[in-house]
């Protein structure tokens, strides 16, 4: 299944977190870590203004609590609106 965002929405691939271990051997679970706020755009909606700014393959910085998380075929994705995008990362 593929997601095709509509209007001013984009689909962003959320980077997977790697389990971390402290120097003392304590494993830090994913729930205790800060969520990443940079992701790779994998689909862009139909809004012409948005398509001029963002394209597939770009990396974007988005707000901490922005978007809607979904899981498609075991992959974590985030659906963001144009207003949720803070900057392009080069």
C-alpha atoms as a PDB file:
ATOM      1  CA  UNK A   1       0.000   0.000   0.000  1.00  0.00           C
ATOM      2  CA  UNK A   2       1.251   3.467  -0.880  1.00  0.00           C
ATOM      3  CA  UNK A   3       0.108   6.720   0.650  1.00  0.00           C
ATOM      4  CA  UNK A   4      -0.779   9.595  -1.669  1.00  0.00           C
ATOM      5  CA  UNK A   5      -1.207  12.773   0.357  1.00  0.00           C
ATOM      6  CA  UNK A   6      -3.811  15.272  -0.778  1.00  0.00           C
ATOM      7  CA  UNK A   7      -3.818  19.075  -0.871  1.00  0.00           C
ATOM      8  CA  UNK A   8      -1.090  20.613   1.318  1.00  0.00           C
ATOM      9  CA  UNK A   9       0.125  17.429   3.050  1.00  0.00           C
ATOM     10  CA  UNK A  10       3.374  15.483   2.793  1.00  0.00           C
ATOM     11  CA  UNK A  11       4.422  12.008   3.940  1.00  0.00           C
ATOM     12  CA  UNK A  12       7.725  11.851   5.814  1.00  0.00           C
ATOM     13  CA  UNK A  13       9.751   8.754   6.683  1.00  0.00           C
ATOM     14  CA  UNK A  14      10.636   8.866  10.374  1.00  0.00           C
ATOM     15  CA  UNK A  15      14.170   7.658  11.124  1.00  0.00           C
ATOM     16  CA  UNK A  16      14.252   4.560  13.312  1.00  0.00           C
ATOM     17  CA  UNK A  17      15.842   4.978  16.702  1.00  0.00           C
ATOM     18  CA  UNK A  18      18.696   2.692  17.644  1.00  0.00           C
ATOM     19  CA  UNK A  19      18.699   1.252  21.140  1.00  0.00           C
ATOM     20  CA  UNK A  20      21.282   3.087  23.210  1.00  0.00           C
ATOM     21  CA  UNK A  21      23.344   1.852  26.102  1.00  0.00           C
ATOM     22  CA  UNK A  22      24.988   4.108  28.675  1.00  0.00           C
ATOM     23  CA  UNK A  23      28.580   3.706  29.844  1.00  0.00           C
ATOM     24  CA  UNK A  24      27.263   1.953  32.957  1.00  0.00           C
ATOM     25  CA  UNK A  25      25.405  -0.612  30.828  1.00  0.00           C
ATOM     26  CA  UNK A  26      21.894   0.798  31.267  1.00  0.00           C
ATOM     27  CA  UNK A  27      19.739   0.427  28.160  1.00  0.00           C
ATOM     28  CA  UNK A  28      17.647   3.503  27.353  1.00  0.00           C
ATOM     29  CA  UNK A  29      14.259   2.487  25.869  1.00  0.00           C
ATOM     30  CA  UNK A  30      12.759   4.281  22.861  1.00  0.00           C
ATOM     31  CA  UNK A  31       9.951   5.677  25.017  1.00  0.00           C
ATOM     32  CA  UNK A  32      12.447   7.658  27.096  1.00  0.00           C
ATOM     33  CA  UNK A  33      14.163   9.222  24.093  1.00  0.00           C
ATOM     34  CA  UNK A  34      13.335  12.434  22.317  1.00  0.00           C
ATOM     35  CA  UNK A  35      11.577  11.876  18.973  1.00  0.00           C
ATOM     36  CA  UNK A  36      13.577  12.926  15.907  1.00  0.00           C
ATOM     37  CA  UNK A  37      12.306  16.082  14.233  1.00  0.00           C
ATOM     38  CA  UNK A  38      13.997  15.609  10.868  1.00  0.00           C
ATOM     39  CA  UNK A  39      12.651  13.235   8.242  1.00  0.00           C
ATOM     40  CA  UNK A  40      12.866  12.449   4.546  1.00  0.00           C
ATOM     41  CA  UNK A  41       9.947  13.384   2.302  1.00  0.00           C
ATOM     42  CA  UNK A  42       8.613  10.332   0.436  1.00  0.00           C
ATOM     43  CA  UNK A  43       5.404  11.848  -1.031  1.00  0.00           C
ATOM     44  CA  UNK A  44       4.081  15.361  -1.676  1.00  0.00           C
ATOM     45  CA  UNK A  45       0.429  16.424  -1.956  1.00  0.00           C
ATOM     46  CA  UNK A  46      -1.306  18.113  -4.878  1.00  0.00           C
ATOM     47  CA  UNK A  47      -0.914  21.728  -3.692  1.00  0.00           C
ATOM     48  CA  UNK A  48       1.108  23.617  -6.347  1.00  0.00           C
ATOM     49  CA  UNK A  49       2.701  26.030  -3.858  1.00  0.00           C
ATOM     50  CA  UNK A  50       3.859  23.106  -1.719  1.00  0.00           C
ATOM     51  CA  UNK A  51       5.306  21.282  -4.745  1.00  0.00           C
ATOM     52  CA  UNK A  52       7.437  24.360  -5.534  1.00  0.00           C
ATOM     53  CA  UNK A  53       8.945  24.277  -2.035  1.00  0.00           C
ATOM     54  CA  UNK A  54       9.278  20.583  -1.177  1.00  0.00           C
ATOM     55  CA  UNK A  55      10.039  17.573  -3.356  1.00  0.00           C
ATOM     56  CA  UNK A  56      10.505  13.851  -2.751  1.00  0.00           C
ATOM     57  CA  UNK A  57      13.916  13.150  -1.228  1.00  0.00           C
ATOM     58  CA  UNK A  58      14.198  16.461   0.652  1.00  0.00           C
ATOM     59  CA  UNK A  59      14.886  16.416   4.373  1.00  0.00           C
ATOM     60  CA  UNK A  60      12.573  18.599   6.455  1.00  0.00           C
ATOM     61  CA  UNK A  61      12.552  19.843  10.018  1.00  0.00           C
ATOM     62  CA  UNK A  62       9.114  19.713  11.610  1.00  0.00           C
ATOM     63  CA  UNK A  63       7.531  20.650  14.936  1.00  0.00           C
ATOM     64  CA  UNK A  64       7.928  18.380  17.951  1.00  0.00           C
ATOM     65  CA  UNK A  65       4.257  17.396  18.202  1.00  0.00           C
ATOM     66  CA  UNK A  66       3.363  17.922  14.538  1.00  0.00           C
ATOM     67  CA  UNK A  67       1.602  15.544  12.199  1.00  0.00           C
ATOM     68  CA  UNK A  68      -0.054  12.168  12.461  1.00  0.00           C
ATOM     69  CA  UNK A  69       2.011   9.003  12.890  1.00  0.00           C
ATOM     70  CA  UNK A  70       0.981   5.982  10.831  1.00  0.00           C
ATOM     71  CA  UNK A  71       2.563   2.600  10.199  1.00  0.00           C
ATOM     72  CA  UNK A  72       2.420   1.228   6.663  1.00  0.00           C
ATOM     73  CA  UNK A  73       3.938  -2.167   5.882  1.00  0.00           C
ATOM     74  CA  UNK A  74       6.022  -2.048   9.063  1.00  0.00           C
ATOM     75  CA  UNK A  75       7.452   1.382   8.292  1.00  0.00           C
ATOM     76  CA  UNK A  76       6.774   4.398  10.534  1.00  0.00           C
ATOM     77  CA  UNK A  77       5.559   7.392   8.564  1.00  0.00           C
ATOM     78  CA  UNK A  78       4.389  10.857   9.512  1.00  0.00           C
ATOM     79  CA  UNK A  79       1.754  12.840   7.636  1.00  0.00           C
ATOM     80  CA  UNK A  80       2.403  16.576   7.933  1.00  0.00           C
ATOM     81  CA  UNK A  81       0.601  19.635   6.647  1.00  0.00           C
ATOM     82  CA  UNK A  82       2.440  22.501   4.981  1.00  0.00           C
ATOM     83  CA  UNK A  83       2.145  24.540   8.192  1.00  0.00           C
ATOM     84  CA  UNK A  84       3.978  21.840  10.205  1.00  0.00           C
ATOM     85  CA  UNK A  85       7.160  22.159   8.106  1.00  0.00           C
ATOM     86  CA  UNK A  86       9.627  24.499   9.778  1.00  0.00           C
ATOM     87  CA  UNK A  87      12.617  24.289   7.417  1.00  0.00           C
ATOM     88  CA  UNK A  88      14.402  22.338   4.710  1.00  0.00           C
ATOM     89  CA  UNK A  89      17.616  20.643   5.857  1.00  0.00           C
ATOM     90  CA  UNK A  90      20.517  20.761   3.391  1.00  0.00           C
END
